[in-house]
Amino acid sequence: MARPEAAGSSRPGPGDRPKPEVTERLWTCPECRTPVTGRFCEECGCADGAQGAAGGHPLPSPSAVFRLAETAATVAVTMAVVPFVQALASRAAQDAYEGARELLRKIARRHRADDEVVISDPQADLTLRIHIEATDEALRALAGLDLRARQTGESPAEVIWNRERRSWEILAATRWVALVNADREYFAQMTADSTDGAQGSLSFPPYCPERRIPITGRGLLQIGRGVHRGARPEIDLAVPQDPGVSLRHAVLEEQPDGSWTVVDLGSLNGTTVNMAPDPIAPHTPLPLVDGDRVHLGAWTTITLHRI
């Protein structure tokens, strides 16, 4: 005979389950990891809401939701006032530039007081540096700063938060370019000094338009001719082909202070600077200044300019 149940007690039925916690009703977007309550992610437009709500990735705690929301708010404020970051954010999720994701990671991390958040895009004309301890104040101050109007000419602007003055400083930045052309004066000197009959066998190219190559921020640029071991040099002198240039002739190397050096890689015909009679020492960096001319091959001159 079965024992009677105590008054007011009942066994849980098959349909009785504990109510889910608040965070269990959220799902994490598989694309951008944003907490979502509906069927669509408002950040990237992902439509995996039904799947996420049923069997997605529940967030560990309400405090985690708060931290993510706070991060999203910070990024949203930044995007609203910084033109190029706003442009990055507007791209489709699958085409998003890695810099936007790095920005999210940097702001979300725990920082020391002297750390900085650096927001930049190689294709943009603006660099933003924010000290973490002043992030909130700095972001509020950005709302009254006309970043677009302060940009002039071809030089990008660097915007830095001054912690002592509690204000933004917009600094003029410089960029370096390399002008590559066929130099008739250098060609005449080369053929005049030649002792192996090159004067009669070489002819100056009838058409060789000047090339303007931005080099700031690129670190190391190979100078050569054509494909070598599956790679083409950044400054390729194959068209029109300069017969005096080696496959791997020289490199331009960017320095920590933004200046440049040239290094001859042991080329057959050497590298000279500013029409000097003797070539530079191979495998030895030579500092360059604005206006320096690097000569190599039979007629090629590469002039560095700071703008």
Protein backbone atom coordinates (compact mmCIF):
# COMPACT_ATOMS: atom_id res chain seq x y z
CA MET A 1 0.00 0.00 0.00
CA ALA A 2 1.41 3.35 -1.00
CA ARG A 3 2.19 5.96 1.63
CA PRO A 4 -0.08 8.98 1.44
CA GLU A 5 1.49 12.29 0.35
CA ALA A 6 1.87 15.01 2.95
CA ALA A 7 -0.66 17.81 2.72
CA GLY A 8 0.34 20.58 0.29
CA SER A 9 3.24 18.61 -1.23
CA SER A 10 3.44 17.47 -4.82
CA ARG A 11 5.99 15.78 -7.00
CA PRO A 12 7.29 17.73 -9.97
CA GLY A 13 5.55 16.71 -13.14
CA PRO A 14 7.27 16.06 -16.43
CA GLY A 15 6.44 19.56 -17.65
CA ASP A 16 7.56 21.37 -14.51
CA ARG A 17 11.04 22.85 -14.92
CA PRO A 18 12.90 25.60 -13.10
CA LYS A 19 12.41 29.00 -14.66
CA PRO A 20 15.43 30.11 -16.68
CA GLU A 21 17.65 32.84 -15.39
CA VAL A 22 17.63 36.19 -17.16
CA THR A 23 20.93 35.52 -18.86
CA GLU A 24 19.71 32.18 -20.20
CA ARG A 25 17.16 33.99 -22.34
CA LEU A 26 19.98 35.88 -24.07
CA TRP A 27 22.00 34.41 -26.88
CA THR A 28 25.46 35.43 -27.99
CA CYS A 29 25.82 36.44 -31.63
CA PRO A 30 28.18 33.91 -33.29
CA GLU A 31 29.62 36.66 -35.51
CA CYS A 32 30.39 39.56 -33.16
CA ARG A 33 29.73 37.96 -29.72
CA THR A 34 27.21 40.66 -28.76
CA PRO A 35 24.41 39.70 -26.28
CA VAL A 36 21.07 39.61 -28.15
CA THR A 37 17.47 39.24 -26.96
CA GLY A 38 15.63 39.18 -30.30
CA ARG A 39 15.96 37.17 -33.47
CA PHE A 40 18.44 39.54 -35.11
CA CYS A 41 21.73 40.97 -33.86
CA GLU A 42 21.49 44.76 -33.92
CA GLU A 43 25.28 45.07 -34.21
CA CYS A 44 26.00 43.05 -37.34
CA GLY A 45 22.57 41.91 -38.57
CA CYS A 46 23.16 38.21 -37.94
CA ALA A 47 19.86 36.27 -38.20
CA ASP A 48 20.70 33.28 -36.02
CA GLY A 49 18.38 34.44 -33.23
CA ALA A 50 16.08 31.43 -33.21
CA GLN A 51 18.98 29.02 -33.06
CA GLY A 52 20.77 31.10 -30.44
CA ALA A 53 17.72 31.42 -28.21
CA ALA A 54 17.14 27.68 -28.28
CA GLY A 55 20.63 26.33 -27.90
CA GLY A 56 23.07 29.22 -28.08
CA HIS A 57 25.74 30.34 -25.67
CA PRO A 58 24.24 31.80 -22.46
CA LEU A 59 26.21 34.58 -20.86
CA PRO A 60 27.76 33.66 -17.52
CA SER A 61 26.28 36.43 -15.37
CA PRO A 62 24.38 39.74 -15.46
CA SER A 63 27.64 41.54 -14.65
CA ALA A 64 29.13 40.19 -17.87
CA VAL A 65 26.13 41.59 -19.76
CA PHE A 66 26.72 44.97 -18.12
CA ARG A 67 30.40 44.99 -19.07
CA LEU A 68 29.61 44.15 -22.68
CA ALA A 69 26.90 46.80 -22.82
CA GLU A 70 29.30 49.37 -21.35
CA THR A 71 31.92 48.45 -23.94
CA ALA A 72 29.38 48.70 -26.75
CA ALA A 73 28.28 52.13 -25.51
CA THR A 74 31.87 53.37 -25.44
CA VAL A 75 32.49 52.15 -28.96
CA ALA A 76 29.20 53.66 -30.13
CA VAL A 77 30.16 57.09 -28.80
CA THR A 78 33.55 56.83 -30.47
CA MET A 79 32.03 55.78 -33.78
CA ALA A 80 29.58 58.67 -33.70
CA VAL A 81 32.28 61.34 -33.60
CA VAL A 82 35.28 59.83 -35.35
CA PRO A 83 34.67 59.75 -39.11
CA PHE A 84 36.93 56.91 -40.16
CA VAL A 85 35.90 54.63 -37.28
CA GLN A 86 32.30 55.28 -38.25
CA ALA A 87 33.16 54.23 -41.79
CA LEU A 88 34.71 51.02 -40.51
CA ALA A 89 31.61 50.25 -38.46
CA SER A 90 29.29 50.71 -41.42
CA ARG A 91 30.88 47.94 -43.47
CA ALA A 92 29.26 44.54 -43.75
CA ALA A 93 30.28 42.16 -40.97
CA GLN A 94 32.08 39.77 -43.30
CA ASP A 95 34.06 42.63 -44.82
CA ALA A 96 34.85 44.42 -41.56
CA TYR A 97 38.40 45.68 -41.35
CA GLU A 98 40.49 44.00 -38.65
CA GLY A 99 41.16 47.37 -37.07
CA ALA A 100 37.54 47.66 -35.92
CA ARG A 101 37.77 44.32 -34.14
CA GLU A 102 41.07 45.29 -32.59
CA LEU A 103 39.45 48.46 -31.28
CA LEU A 104 36.79 46.39 -29.50
CA ARG A 105 39.42 44.13 -27.98
CA LYS A 106 41.54 47.03 -26.74
CA ILE A 107 38.69 48.88 -25.07
CA ALA A 108 37.34 45.69 -23.48
CA ARG A 109 40.65 44.73 -21.89
CA ARG A 110 41.73 45.87 -18.43
CA HIS A 111 44.35 48.58 -18.79
CA ARG A 112 46.85 50.36 -16.61
CA ALA A 113 46.34 54.08 -16.13
CA ASP A 114 49.18 54.96 -18.49
CA ASP A 115 48.00 52.76 -21.36
CA GLU A 116 46.50 54.17 -24.54
CA VAL A 117 43.79 53.16 -26.95
CA VAL A 118 45.02 53.87 -30.48
CA ILE A 119 42.40 54.00 -33.21
CA SER A 120 43.76 54.15 -36.74
CA ASP A 121 43.17 53.06 -40.30
CA PRO A 122 46.00 52.90 -42.88
CA GLN A 123 43.62 54.26 -45.53
CA ALA A 124 42.32 57.11 -43.36
CA ASP A 125 43.72 60.55 -42.60
CA LEU A 126 43.33 60.42 -38.85
CA THR A 127 44.95 58.75 -35.87
CA LEU A 128 43.35 58.95 -32.43
CA ARG A 129 45.20 58.22 -29.19
CA ILE A 130 43.20 58.06 -25.96
CA HIS A 131 44.73 57.48 -22.53
CA ILE A 132 42.57 54.98 -20.69
CA GLU A 133 42.29 57.02 -17.49
CA ALA A 134 40.78 59.88 -19.48
CA THR A 135 38.61 57.85 -21.85
CA ASP A 136 35.21 59.05 -20.61
CA GLU A 137 36.19 62.71 -20.48
CA ALA A 138 38.05 62.49 -23.77
CA LEU A 139 35.10 60.92 -25.56
CA ARG A 140 32.76 63.62 -24.27
CA ALA A 141 35.18 66.31 -25.45
CA LEU A 142 35.30 64.76 -28.91
CA ALA A 143 31.68 65.74 -29.48
CA GLY A 144 32.73 69.39 -29.71
CA LEU A 145 35.79 68.78 -31.86
CA ASP A 146 35.49 69.27 -35.62
CA LEU A 147 37.98 66.67 -36.80
CA ARG A 148 37.21 66.99 -40.49
CA ALA A 149 37.67 70.75 -40.63
CA ARG A 150 41.12 70.60 -39.02
CA GLN A 151 42.58 68.35 -41.72
CA THR A 152 44.49 70.28 -44.38
CA GLY A 153 46.47 69.35 -47.45
CA GLU A 154 47.85 65.85 -47.86
CA SER A 155 49.23 65.48 -44.34
CA PRO A 156 47.09 63.42 -41.96
CA ALA A 157 46.15 64.75 -38.55
CA GLU A 158 47.13 63.04 -35.32
CA VAL A 159 44.74 63.75 -32.47
CA ILE A 160 46.13 63.24 -28.95
CA TRP A 161 44.38 63.75 -25.60
CA ASN A 162 46.56 65.95 -23.36
CA ARG A 163 46.01 64.71 -19.82
CA GLU A 164 47.60 67.77 -18.19
CA ARG A 165 45.56 70.33 -20.14
CA ARG A 166 42.46 68.09 -20.25
CA SER A 167 42.00 68.90 -23.92
CA TRP A 168 42.65 67.54 -27.39
CA GLU A 169 45.72 68.48 -29.43
CA ILE A 170 45.68 68.12 -33.20
CA LEU A 171 49.22 67.67 -34.45
CA ALA A 172 50.46 68.06 -37.98
CA ALA A 173 51.85 64.73 -39.16
CA THR A 174 54.27 64.11 -42.01
CA ARG A 175 54.29 61.55 -44.74
CA TRP A 176 57.10 60.31 -46.93
CA VAL A 177 56.78 59.52 -50.62
CA ALA A 178 59.25 58.02 -53.08
CA LEU A 179 59.35 59.47 -56.59
CA VAL A 180 60.68 56.94 -59.10
CA ASN A 181 61.76 58.16 -62.52
CA ALA A 182 64.17 57.65 -65.37
CA ASP A 183 66.93 60.20 -64.75
CA ARG A 184 68.65 61.42 -67.92
CA GLU A 185 71.44 63.18 -65.99
CA TYR A 186 72.29 60.02 -64.06
CA PHE A 187 72.10 57.95 -67.26
CA ALA A 188 74.58 60.29 -68.98
CA GLN A 189 77.02 59.98 -66.08
CA MET A 190 76.71 56.20 -66.01
CA THR A 191 77.37 55.77 -69.70
CA ALA A 192 80.22 58.31 -69.67
CA ASP A 193 81.97 56.47 -66.84
CA SER A 194 81.41 53.04 -68.37
CA THR A 195 84.50 51.11 -69.47
CA ASP A 196 82.80 47.96 -70.77
CA GLY A 197 81.14 49.34 -73.89
CA ALA A 198 77.77 49.96 -72.23
CA GLN A 199 77.61 53.47 -73.70
CA GLY A 200 76.76 52.12 -77.13
CA SER A 201 74.57 49.19 -76.06
CA LEU A 202 72.23 51.08 -73.70
CA SER A 203 69.56 53.54 -74.74
CA PHE A 204 67.48 55.81 -72.53
CA PRO A 205 63.82 54.68 -72.37
CA PRO A 206 61.60 56.74 -74.70
CA TYR A 207 58.72 56.78 -72.22
CA CYS A 208 58.92 56.25 -68.46
CA PRO A 209 56.32 58.21 -66.46
CA GLU A 210 57.22 59.24 -62.94
CA ARG A 211 55.76 57.06 -60.20
CA ARG A 212 54.72 58.43 -56.81
CA ILE A 213 54.80 55.74 -54.08
CA PRO A 214 53.59 56.49 -50.52
CA ILE A 215 56.01 54.79 -48.12
CA THR A 216 55.09 56.01 -44.61
CA GLY A 217 54.12 53.16 -42.31
CA ARG A 218 55.23 50.41 -44.68
CA GLY A 219 58.36 49.45 -42.73
CA LEU A 220 60.53 47.80 -45.38
CA LEU A 221 60.34 48.24 -49.14
CA GLN A 222 62.26 45.98 -51.49
CA ILE A 223 63.76 47.57 -54.61
CA GLY A 224 64.35 45.17 -57.47
CA ARG A 225 63.32 43.92 -60.88
CA GLY A 226 60.54 41.42 -61.52
CA VAL A 227 59.46 38.38 -59.53
CA HIS A 228 62.09 36.75 -57.30
CA ARG A 229 61.25 33.52 -55.45
CA GLY A 230 57.57 34.10 -55.97
CA ALA A 231 57.54 37.66 -54.64
CA ARG A 232 57.52 40.98 -56.46
CA PRO A 233 59.38 43.95 -54.90
CA GLU A 234 57.39 46.90 -53.60
CA ILE A 235 59.38 49.18 -55.94
CA ASP A 236 59.54 47.14 -59.13
CA LEU A 237 61.84 48.45 -61.88
CA ALA A 238 60.84 45.84 -64.44
CA VAL A 239 58.71 48.14 -66.64
CA PRO A 240 60.49 49.60 -68.43
CA GLN A 241 63.19 47.16 -67.43
CA ASP A 242 66.33 48.78 -66.12
CA PRO A 243 69.04 46.26 -67.11
CA GLY A 244 71.43 47.50 -64.42
CA VAL A 245 69.09 46.67 -61.53
CA SER A 246 69.49 43.34 -59.74
CA LEU A 247 66.51 41.12 -58.88
CA ARG A 248 67.01 42.08 -55.22
CA HIS A 249 68.98 45.29 -55.42
CA ALA A 250 68.33 47.38 -52.29
CA VAL A 251 65.80 48.15 -49.56
CA LEU A 252 64.34 51.28 -48.03
CA GLU A 253 63.89 50.80 -44.28
CA GLU A 254 61.69 52.93 -42.04
CA GLN A 255 63.15 53.96 -38.68
CA PRO A 256 61.32 54.29 -35.33
CA ASP A 257 61.41 58.10 -35.61
CA GLY A 258 59.78 57.99 -39.06
CA SER A 259 62.96 58.65 -41.05
CA TRP A 260 64.37 56.30 -43.71
CA THR A 261 67.61 54.52 -44.59
CA VAL A 262 68.74 52.79 -47.77
CA VAL A 263 70.66 49.51 -47.77
CA ASP A 264 72.35 47.99 -50.82
CA LEU A 265 71.90 44.20 -50.75
CA GLY A 266 75.20 43.44 -52.46
CA SER A 267 73.92 44.26 -55.94
CA LEU A 268 76.09 43.76 -59.01
CA ASN A 269 76.25 47.44 -60.02
CA GLY A 270 75.89 49.07 -56.62
CA THR A 271 73.82 52.00 -55.33
CA THR A 272 74.82 55.66 -55.13
CA VAL A 273 73.24 58.68 -53.43
CA ASN A 274 73.08 62.27 -54.73
CA MET A 275 75.34 61.60 -57.73
CA ALA A 276 78.28 60.61 -55.52
CA PRO A 277 81.21 59.10 -57.47
CA ASP A 278 81.41 56.01 -55.26
CA PRO A 279 78.63 53.56 -54.36
CA ILE A 280 77.49 53.12 -50.78
CA ALA A 281 78.87 50.21 -48.74
CA PRO A 282 76.77 47.06 -49.20
CA HIS A 283 74.68 45.74 -46.29
CA THR A 284 75.20 49.03 -44.41
CA PRO A 285 72.24 51.35 -43.68
CA LEU A 286 72.72 54.91 -44.93
CA PRO A 287 70.37 57.55 -43.40
CA LEU A 288 68.38 59.63 -45.88
CA VAL A 289 66.93 63.12 -45.56
CA ASP A 290 64.25 64.99 -47.44
CA GLY A 291 65.28 65.42 -51.07
CA ASP A 292 67.97 62.73 -51.16
CA ARG A 293 68.25 60.91 -54.49
CA VAL A 294 69.04 57.20 -54.62
CA HIS A 295 70.56 56.08 -57.94
CA LEU A 296 70.65 52.50 -59.14
CA GLY A 297 70.79 50.60 -62.38
CA ALA A 298 71.38 52.38 -65.67
CA TRP A 299 68.93 55.27 -65.30
CA THR A 300 66.71 54.90 -62.21
CA THR A 301 66.58 57.60 -59.53
CA ILE A 302 64.38 57.33 -56.43
CA THR A 303 63.90 60.67 -54.66
CA LEU A 304 62.52 60.76 -51.11
CA HIS A 305 60.28 63.66 -50.14
CA ARG A 306 58.68 64.48 -46.80
CA ILE A 307 55.29 66.16 -47.19
